PDB file of N, CA and C in Angstrom:
ATOM      1  N   MET A   1       0.832  -1.167   0.007  1.00  0.00           N
ATOM      2  CA  MET A   1      -0.003   0.004   0.001  1.00  0.00           C
ATOM      3  C   MET A   1       0.876   1.249   0.001  1.00  0.00           C
ATOM      4  N   ASN A   2       0.451   2.244  -0.705  1.00  0.00           N
ATOM      5  CA  ASN A   2       1.176   3.513  -0.804  1.00  0.00           C
ATOM      6  C   ASN A   2       0.370   4.578  -0.083  1.00  0.00           C
ATOM      7  N   VAL A   3       0.814   4.959   1.122  1.00  0.00           N
ATOM      8  CA  VAL A   3       0.108   5.966   1.932  1.00  0.00           C
ATOM      9  C   VAL A   3       0.736   7.320   1.677  1.00  0.00           C
ATOM     10  N   ILE A   4      -0.108   8.290   1.304  1.00  0.00           N
ATOM     11  CA  ILE A   4       0.373   9.653   1.032  1.00  0.00           C
ATOM     12  C   ILE A   4      -0.399  10.608   1.939  1.00  0.00           C
ATOM     13  N   PHE A   5       0.336  11.314   2.821  1.00  0.00           N
ATOM     14  CA  PHE A   5      -0.300  12.344   3.643  1.00  0.00           C
ATOM     15  C   PHE A   5      -0.421  13.605   2.784  1.00  0.00           C
ATOM     16  N   GLU A   6      -1.612  14.158   2.714  1.00  0.00           N
ATOM     17  CA  GLU A   6      -1.853  15.339   1.887  1.00  0.00           C
ATOM     18  C   GLU A   6      -2.070  16.615   2.698  1.00  0.00           C
ATOM     19  N   HIS A   7      -2.379  16.458   3.950  1.00  0.00           N
ATOM     20  CA  HIS A   7      -2.681  17.603   4.800  1.00  0.00           C
ATOM     21  C   HIS A   7      -2.429  17.252   6.253  1.00  0.00           C
ATOM     22  N   PRO A   8      -2.000  18.204   7.072  1.00  0.00           N
ATOM     23  CA  PRO A   8      -1.808  17.912   8.506  1.00  0.00           C
ATOM     24  C   PRO A   8      -3.122  17.536   9.192  1.00  0.00           C
ATOM     25  N   THR A   9      -2.999  16.724  10.203  1.00  0.00           N
ATOM     26  CA  THR A   9      -4.130  16.352  11.050  1.00  0.00           C
ATOM     27  C   THR A   9      -4.204  17.336  12.196  1.00  0.00           C
ATOM     28  N   ILE A  10      -5.401  17.785  12.522  1.00  0.00           N
ATOM     29  CA  ILE A  10      -5.593  18.702  13.648  1.00  0.00           C
ATOM     30  C   ILE A  10      -5.781  17.872  14.899  1.00  0.00           C
ATOM     31  N   ILE A  11      -4.867  18.001  15.845  1.00  0.00           N
ATOM     32  CA  ILE A  11      -4.888  17.199  17.059  1.00  0.00           C
ATOM     33  C   ILE A  11      -5.602  17.976  18.170  1.00  0.00           C
ATOM     34  N   PHE A  12      -6.901  17.807  18.277  1.00  0.00           N
ATOM     35  CA  PHE A  12      -7.668  18.498  19.326  1.00  0.00           C
ATOM     36  C   PHE A  12      -8.046  17.545  20.460  1.00  0.00           C
ATOM     37  N   ASP A  13      -7.665  16.286  20.311  1.00  0.00           N
ATOM     38  CA  ASP A  13      -7.925  15.251  21.327  1.00  0.00           C
ATOM     39  C   ASP A  13      -6.724  14.292  21.250  1.00  0.00           C
ATOM     40  N   ASP A  14      -6.219  13.881  22.405  1.00  0.00           N
ATOM     41  CA  ASP A  14      -5.057  13.000  22.445  1.00  0.00           C
ATOM     42  C   ASP A  14      -5.271  11.698  21.671  1.00  0.00           C
ATOM     43  N   LYS A  15      -6.485  11.251  21.561  1.00  0.00           N
ATOM     44  CA  LYS A  15      -6.795   9.992  20.868  1.00  0.00           C
ATOM     45  C   LYS A  15      -6.530  10.101  19.365  1.00  0.00           C
ATOM     46  N   ILE A  16      -6.609  11.302  18.816  1.00  0.00           N
ATOM     47  CA  ILE A  16      -6.473  11.477  17.370  1.00  0.00           C
ATOM     48  C   ILE A  16      -5.091  11.038  16.881  1.00  0.00           C
ATOM     49  N   ALA A  17      -4.041  11.451  17.558  1.00  0.00           N
ATOM     50  CA  ALA A  17      -2.683  11.056  17.154  1.00  0.00           C
ATOM     51  C   ALA A  17      -2.507   9.559  17.239  1.00  0.00           C
ATOM     52  N   GLU A  18      -2.998   8.963  18.299  1.00  0.00           N
ATOM     53  CA  GLU A  18      -2.925   7.498  18.448  1.00  0.00           C
ATOM     54  C   GLU A  18      -3.673   6.794  17.321  1.00  0.00           C
ATOM     55  N   ILE A  19      -4.875   7.265  17.033  1.00  0.00           N
ATOM     56  CA  ILE A  19      -5.702   6.628  15.999  1.00  0.00           C
ATOM     57  C   ILE A  19      -5.045   6.730  14.631  1.00  0.00           C
ATOM     58  N   ILE A  20      -4.542   7.902  14.262  1.00  0.00           N
ATOM     59  CA  ILE A  20      -3.982   8.069  12.925  1.00  0.00           C
ATOM     60  C   ILE A  20      -2.722   7.224  12.743  1.00  0.00           C
ATOM     61  N   ILE A  21      -1.886   7.133  13.768  1.00  0.00           N
ATOM     62  CA  ILE A  21      -0.691   6.283  13.670  1.00  0.00           C
ATOM     63  C   ILE A  21      -1.064   4.822  13.600  1.00  0.00           C
ATOM     64  N   GLU A  22      -1.967   4.378  14.431  1.00  0.00           N
ATOM     65  CA  GLU A  22      -2.419   2.980  14.399  1.00  0.00           C
ATOM     66  C   GLU A  22      -3.097   2.661  13.067  1.00  0.00           C
ATOM     67  N   PHE A  23      -3.854   3.607  12.543  1.00  0.00           N
ATOM     68  CA  PHE A  23      -4.545   3.407  11.269  1.00  0.00           C
ATOM     69  C   PHE A  23      -3.529   3.149  10.153  1.00  0.00           C
ATOM     70  N   VAL A  24      -2.513   3.990  10.066  1.00  0.00           N
ATOM     71  CA  VAL A  24      -1.492   3.820   9.031  1.00  0.00           C
ATOM     72  C   VAL A  24      -0.762   2.492   9.252  1.00  0.00           C
ATOM     73  N   ASN A  25      -0.408   2.166  10.482  1.00  0.00           N
ATOM     74  CA  ASN A  25       0.256   0.884  10.751  1.00  0.00           C
ATOM     75  C   ASN A  25      -0.582  -0.286  10.267  1.00  0.00           C
ATOM     76  N   HIS A  26      -1.873  -0.251  10.524  1.00  0.00           N
ATOM     77  CA  HIS A  26      -2.760  -1.321  10.077  1.00  0.00           C
ATOM     78  C   HIS A  26      -2.850  -1.402   8.552  1.00  0.00           C
ATOM     79  N   ILE A  27      -2.964  -0.238   7.921  1.00  0.00           N
ATOM     80  CA  ILE A  27      -3.068  -0.177   6.468  1.00  0.00           C
ATOM     81  C   ILE A  27      -1.858  -0.838   5.805  1.00  0.00           C
ATOM     82  N   LEU A  28      -0.685  -0.630   6.370  1.00  0.00           N
ATOM     83  CA  LEU A  28       0.532  -1.132   5.772  1.00  0.00           C
ATOM     84  C   LEU A  28       0.611  -2.670   5.767  1.00  0.00           C
ATOM     85  N   TYR A  29      -0.238  -3.324   6.543  1.00  0.00           N
ATOM     86  CA  TYR A  29      -0.289  -4.791   6.535  1.00  0.00           C
ATOM     87  C   TYR A  29      -1.084  -5.349   5.363  1.00  0.00           C
ATOM     88  N   ALA A  30      -1.897  -4.510   4.733  1.00  0.00           N
ATOM     89  CA  ALA A  30      -2.723  -4.970   3.615  1.00  0.00           C
ATOM     90  C   ALA A  30      -1.863  -5.219   2.392  1.00  0.00           C
ATOM     91  N   ASP A  31      -2.153  -6.291   1.686  1.00  0.00           N
ATOM     92  CA  ASP A  31      -1.400  -6.585   0.469  1.00  0.00           C
ATOM     93  C   ASP A  31      -2.264  -6.557  -0.783  1.00  0.00           C
ATOM     94  N   ASN A  32      -3.566  -6.275  -0.580  1.00  0.00           N
ATOM     95  CA  ASN A  32      -4.479  -6.114  -1.724  1.00  0.00           C
ATOM     96  C   ASN A  32      -5.724  -5.359  -1.266  1.00  0.00           C
ATOM     97  N   GLU A  33      -6.584  -5.041  -2.200  1.00  0.00           N
ATOM     98  CA  GLU A  33      -7.767  -4.232  -1.884  1.00  0.00           C
ATOM     99  C   GLU A  33      -8.709  -4.930  -0.906  1.00  0.00           C
ATOM    100  N   ASP A  34      -8.941  -6.215  -1.072  1.00  0.00           N
ATOM    101  CA  ASP A  34      -9.833  -6.942  -0.182  1.00  0.00           C
ATOM    102  C   ASP A  34      -9.334  -6.919   1.258  1.00  0.00           C
ATOM    103  N   ASN A  35      -8.026  -7.159   1.415  1.00  0.00           N
ATOM    104  CA  ASN A  35      -7.425  -7.081   2.756  1.00  0.00           C
ATOM    105  C   ASN A  35      -7.562  -5.686   3.331  1.00  0.00           C
ATOM    106  N   LEU A  36      -7.304  -4.697   2.522  1.00  0.00           N
ATOM    107  CA  LEU A  36      -7.395  -3.305   2.974  1.00  0.00           C
ATOM    108  C   LEU A  36      -8.815  -2.996   3.457  1.00  0.00           C
ATOM    109  N   ARG A  37      -9.812  -3.369   2.688  1.00  0.00           N
ATOM    110  CA  ARG A  37     -11.195  -3.117   3.086  1.00  0.00           C
ATOM    111  C   ARG A  37     -11.539  -3.809   4.417  1.00  0.00           C
ATOM    112  N   ARG A  38     -11.088  -5.023   4.575  1.00  0.00           N
ATOM    113  CA  ARG A  38     -11.341  -5.780   5.811  1.00  0.00           C
ATOM    114  C   ARG A  38     -10.613  -5.129   6.989  1.00  0.00           C
ATOM    115  N   ILE A  39      -9.368  -4.749   6.791  1.00  0.00           N
ATOM    116  CA  ILE A  39      -8.585  -4.122   7.861  1.00  0.00           C
ATOM    117  C   ILE A  39      -9.225  -2.797   8.270  1.00  0.00           C
ATOM    118  N   VAL A  40      -9.649  -1.985   7.311  1.00  0.00           N
ATOM    119  CA  VAL A  40     -10.250  -0.689   7.628  1.00  0.00           C
ATOM    120  C   VAL A  40     -11.579  -0.878   8.378  1.00  0.00           C
ATOM    121  N   THR A  41     -12.377  -1.819   7.935  1.00  0.00           N
ATOM    122  CA  THR A  41     -13.651  -2.091   8.634  1.00  0.00           C
ATOM    123  C   THR A  41     -13.425  -2.515  10.076  1.00  0.00           C
ATOM    124  N   ASP A  42     -12.507  -3.452  10.271  1.00  0.00           N
ATOM    125  CA  ASP A  42     -12.184  -3.910  11.627  1.00  0.00           C
ATOM    126  C   ASP A  42     -11.598  -2.784  12.471  1.00  0.00           C
ATOM    127  N   PHE A  43     -10.720  -2.000  11.885  1.00  0.00           N
ATOM    128  CA  PHE A  43     -10.099  -0.896  12.609  1.00  0.00           C
ATOM    129  C   PHE A  43     -11.156   0.122  13.033  1.00  0.00           C
ATOM    130  N   ALA A  44     -12.041   0.474  12.116  1.00  0.00           N
ATOM    131  CA  ALA A  44     -13.082   1.467  12.403  1.00  0.00           C
ATOM    132  C   ALA A  44     -13.940   1.040  13.577  1.00  0.00           C
ATOM    133  N   GLU A  45     -14.245  -0.244  13.678  1.00  0.00           N
ATOM    134  CA  GLU A  45     -15.065  -0.747  14.785  1.00  0.00           C
ATOM    135  C   GLU A  45     -14.286  -0.766  16.090  1.00  0.00           C
ATOM    136  N   THR A  46     -13.027  -1.135  16.034  1.00  0.00           N
ATOM    137  CA  THR A  46     -12.199  -1.260  17.243  1.00  0.00           C
ATOM    138  C   THR A  46     -11.762   0.076  17.830  1.00  0.00           C
ATOM    139  N   TYR A  47     -11.396   1.005  16.960  1.00  0.00           N
ATOM    140  CA  TYR A  47     -10.786   2.265  17.401  1.00  0.00           C
ATOM    141  C   TYR A  47     -11.695   3.488  17.287  1.00  0.00           C
ATOM    142  N   ALA A  48     -12.961   3.310  16.989  1.00  0.00           N
ATOM    143  CA  ALA A  48     -13.900   4.411  16.836  1.00  0.00           C
ATOM    144  C   ALA A  48     -13.389   5.466  15.845  1.00  0.00           C
ATOM    145  N   LEU A  49     -12.908   4.968  14.705  1.00  0.00           N
ATOM    146  CA  LEU A  49     -12.382   5.854  13.640  1.00  0.00           C
ATOM    147  C   LEU A  49     -13.421   6.893  13.228  1.00  0.00           C
ATOM    148  N   ASP A  50     -14.671   6.506  13.182  1.00  0.00           N
ATOM    149  CA  ASP A  50     -15.741   7.401  12.729  1.00  0.00           C
ATOM    150  C   ASP A  50     -15.998   8.585  13.673  1.00  0.00           C
ATOM    151  N   ARG A  51     -15.481   8.516  14.859  1.00  0.00           N
ATOM    152  CA  ARG A  51     -15.668   9.635  15.794  1.00  0.00           C
ATOM    153  C   ARG A  51     -14.921  10.884  15.336  1.00  0.00           C
ATOM    154  N   TYR A  52     -13.748  10.681  14.730  1.00  0.00           N
ATOM    155  CA  TYR A  52     -12.887  11.804  14.336  1.00  0.00           C
ATOM    156  C   TYR A  52     -12.710  11.936  12.825  1.00  0.00           C
ATOM    157  N   PHE A  53     -12.983  10.873  12.098  1.00  0.00           N
ATOM    158  CA  PHE A  53     -12.685  10.855  10.665  1.00  0.00           C
ATOM    159  C   PHE A  53     -13.817  10.247   9.853  1.00  0.00           C
ATOM    160  N   VAL A  54     -13.814  10.520   8.576  1.00  0.00           N
ATOM    161  CA  VAL A  54     -14.651   9.823   7.599  1.00  0.00           C
ATOM    162  C   VAL A  54     -13.713   9.278   6.541  1.00  0.00           C
ATOM    163  N   TYR A  55     -14.100   8.166   5.950  1.00  0.00           N
ATOM    164  CA  TYR A  55     -13.251   7.547   4.932  1.00  0.00           C
ATOM    165  C   TYR A  55     -14.131   6.944   3.852  1.00  0.00           C
ATOM    166  N   GLY A  56     -13.492   6.656   2.749  1.00  0.00           N
ATOM    167  CA  GLY A  56     -14.213   6.032   1.656  1.00  0.00           C
ATOM    168  C   GLY A  56     -13.226   5.455   0.654  1.00  0.00           C
ATOM    169  N   PHE A  57     -13.771   4.695  -0.288  1.00  0.00           N
ATOM    170  CA  PHE A  57     -12.950   4.046  -1.279  1.00  0.00           C
ATOM    171  C   PHE A  57     -13.308   4.557  -2.678  1.00  0.00           C
ATOM    172  N   GLY A  58     -12.290   4.781  -3.481  1.00  0.00           N
ATOM    173  CA  GLY A  58     -12.456   5.033  -4.906  1.00  0.00           C
ATOM    174  C   GLY A  58     -12.086   3.766  -5.631  1.00  0.00           C
ATOM    175  N   SER A  59     -11.977   3.836  -6.927  1.00  0.00           N
ATOM    176  CA  SER A  59     -11.689   2.628  -7.703  1.00  0.00           C
ATOM    177  C   SER A  59     -10.300   2.058  -7.409  1.00  0.00           C
ATOM    178  N   HIS A  60      -9.349   2.889  -7.054  1.00  0.00           N
ATOM    179  CA  HIS A  60      -7.991   2.408  -6.768  1.00  0.00           C
ATOM    180  C   HIS A  60      -7.367   3.096  -5.557  1.00  0.00           C
ATOM    181  N   HIS A  61      -8.200   3.594  -4.662  1.00  0.00           N
ATOM    182  CA  HIS A  61      -7.653   4.280  -3.511  1.00  0.00           C
ATOM    183  C   HIS A  61      -8.624   4.292  -2.329  1.00  0.00           C
ATOM    184  N   LEU A  62      -8.073   4.591  -1.166  1.00  0.00           N
ATOM    185  CA  LEU A  62      -8.820   4.851   0.072  1.00  0.00           C
ATOM    186  C   LEU A  62      -8.477   6.284   0.453  1.00  0.00           C
ATOM    187  N   TRP A  63      -9.463   7.050   0.884  1.00  0.00           N
ATOM    188  CA  TRP A  63      -9.203   8.416   1.347  1.00  0.00           C
ATOM    189  C   TRP A  63      -9.708   8.567   2.773  1.00  0.00           C
ATOM    190  N   LEU A  64      -9.115   9.556   3.484  1.00  0.00           N
ATOM    191  CA  LEU A  64      -9.500   9.828   4.866  1.00  0.00           C
ATOM    192  C   LEU A  64      -9.598  11.344   5.036  1.00  0.00           C
ATOM    193  N   LYS A  65     -10.704  11.795   5.603  1.00  0.00           N
ATOM    194  CA  LYS A  65     -10.893  13.214   5.926  1.00  0.00           C
ATOM    195  C   LYS A  65     -11.194  13.316   7.414  1.00  0.00           C
ATOM    196  N   GLN A  66     -10.911  14.480   7.972  1.00  0.00           N
ATOM    197  CA  GLN A  66     -11.132  14.707   9.391  1.00  0.00           C
ATOM    198  C   GLN A  66     -12.432  15.453   9.620  1.00  0.00           C
ATOM    199  N   ARG A  67     -13.128  15.061  10.695  1.00  0.00           N
ATOM    200  CA  ARG A  67     -14.344  15.768  11.093  1.00  0.00           C
ATOM    201  C   ARG A  67     -13.976  17.108  11.724  1.00  0.00           C
ATOM    202  N   LYS A  68     -14.853  18.060  11.617  1.00  0.00           N
ATOM    203  CA  LYS A  68     -14.609  19.387  12.204  1.00  0.00           C
ATOM    204  C   LYS A  68     -14.816  19.337  13.719  1.00  0.00           C
ATOM    205  N   ILE A  69     -14.023  20.115  14.419  1.00  0.00           N
ATOM    206  CA  ILE A  69     -14.093  20.175  15.876  1.00  0.00           C
ATOM    207  C   ILE A  69     -15.428  20.761  16.318  1.00  0.00           C
ATOM    208  N   THR A  70     -15.853  21.828  15.675  1.00  0.00           N
ATOM    209  CA  THR A  70     -17.036  22.567  16.080  1.00  0.00           C
ATOM    210  C   THR A  70     -18.331  21.867  15.733  1.00  0.00           C
ATOM    211  N   ASP A  71     -18.318  21.055  14.689  1.00  0.00           N
ATOM    212  CA  ASP A  71     -19.507  20.319  14.264  1.00  0.00           C
ATOM    213  C   ASP A  71     -19.095  18.990  13.654  1.00  0.00           C
ATOM    214  N   PRO A  72     -19.056  17.919  14.462  1.00  0.00           N
ATOM    215  CA  PRO A  72     -18.596  16.622  13.977  1.00  0.00           C
ATOM    216  C   PRO A  72     -19.417  16.040  12.847  1.00  0.00           C
ATOM    217  N   GLN A  73     -20.562  16.633  12.547  1.00  0.00           N
ATOM    218  CA  GLN A  73     -21.349  16.180  11.390  1.00  0.00           C
ATOM    219  C   GLN A  73     -20.777  16.692  10.079  1.00  0.00           C
ATOM    220  N   LYS A  74     -19.870  17.669  10.171  1.00  0.00           N
ATOM    221  CA  LYS A  74     -19.228  18.244   8.995  1.00  0.00           C
ATOM    222  C   LYS A  74     -17.759  17.795   8.953  1.00  0.00           C
ATOM    223  N   VAL A  75     -17.216  17.759   7.728  1.00  0.00           N
ATOM    224  CA  VAL A  75     -15.811  17.382   7.565  1.00  0.00           C
ATOM    225  C   VAL A  75     -15.102  18.479   6.793  1.00  0.00           C
ATOM    226  N   PHE A  76     -13.775  18.516   6.960  1.00  0.00           N
ATOM    227  CA  PHE A  76     -12.970  19.455   6.185  1.00  0.00           C
ATOM    228  C   PHE A  76     -13.000  19.048   4.714  1.00  0.00           C
ATOM    229  N   ASP A  77     -12.850  20.023   3.825  1.00  0.00           N
ATOM    230  CA  ASP A  77     -12.918  19.761   2.396  1.00  0.00           C
ATOM    231  C   ASP A  77     -11.729  18.938   1.891  1.00  0.00           C
ATOM    232  N   TYR A  78     -10.615  19.020   2.559  1.00  0.00           N
ATOM    233  CA  TYR A  78      -9.399  18.373   2.106  1.00  0.00           C
ATOM    234  C   TYR A  78      -9.234  16.988   2.737  1.00  0.00           C
ATOM    235  N   ARG A  79      -8.462  16.146   2.049  1.00  0.00           N
ATOM    236  CA  ARG A  79      -8.157  14.824   2.579  1.00  0.00           C
ATOM    237  C   ARG A  79      -6.937  14.905   3.495  1.00  0.00           C
ATOM    238  N   ILE A  80      -6.935  14.090   4.523  1.00  0.00           N
ATOM    239  CA  ILE A  80      -5.754  13.946   5.390  1.00  0.00           C
ATOM    240  C   ILE A  80      -4.744  13.041   4.669  1.00  0.00           C
ATOM    241  N   LEU A  81      -5.265  11.941   4.149  1.00  0.00           N
ATOM    242  CA  LEU A  81      -4.379  11.034   3.452  1.00  0.00           C
ATOM    243  C   LEU A  81      -5.129  10.258   2.378  1.00  0.00           C
ATOM    244  N   ILE A  82      -4.351   9.681   1.491  1.00  0.00           N
ATOM    245  CA  ILE A  82      -4.878   8.821   0.437  1.00  0.00           C
ATOM    246  C   ILE A  82      -3.985   7.590   0.406  1.00  0.00           C
ATOM    247  N   VAL A  83      -4.591   6.439   0.179  1.00  0.00           N
ATOM    248  CA  VAL A  83      -3.860   5.179   0.068  1.00  0.00           C
ATOM    249  C   VAL A  83      -4.157   4.591  -1.312  1.00  0.00           C
ATOM    250  N   ASN A  84      -3.125   4.501  -2.115  1.00  0.00           N
ATOM    251  CA  ASN A  84      -3.279   3.920  -3.449  1.00  0.00           C
ATOM    252  C   ASN A  84      -3.052   2.421  -3.370  1.00  0.00           C
ATOM    253  N   PHE A  85      -3.933   1.665  -4.076  1.00  0.00           N
ATOM    254  CA  PHE A  85      -3.733   0.211  -4.105  1.00  0.00           C
ATOM    255  C   PHE A  85      -3.863  -0.304  -5.523  1.00  0.00           C
TER     256      PHE A  85
END
């Protein structure tokens, strides 16, 4: 997997730094798209990824955006990272 950070993460809670590092570590274990999808799903359930971030898949990538501090229902327009597979 090729992880590219595109924008800094805003650390407004100590858990955010831990989650983003663990997320990248888990992603790097994936060797194909199916593994990546399974790892991300399991990680999201275990680490409450959805509390701070939103993610999705394109045809050949995974993207991650951060939720806004003031309104967690909204997300920043930019991606934090993209993972090409």
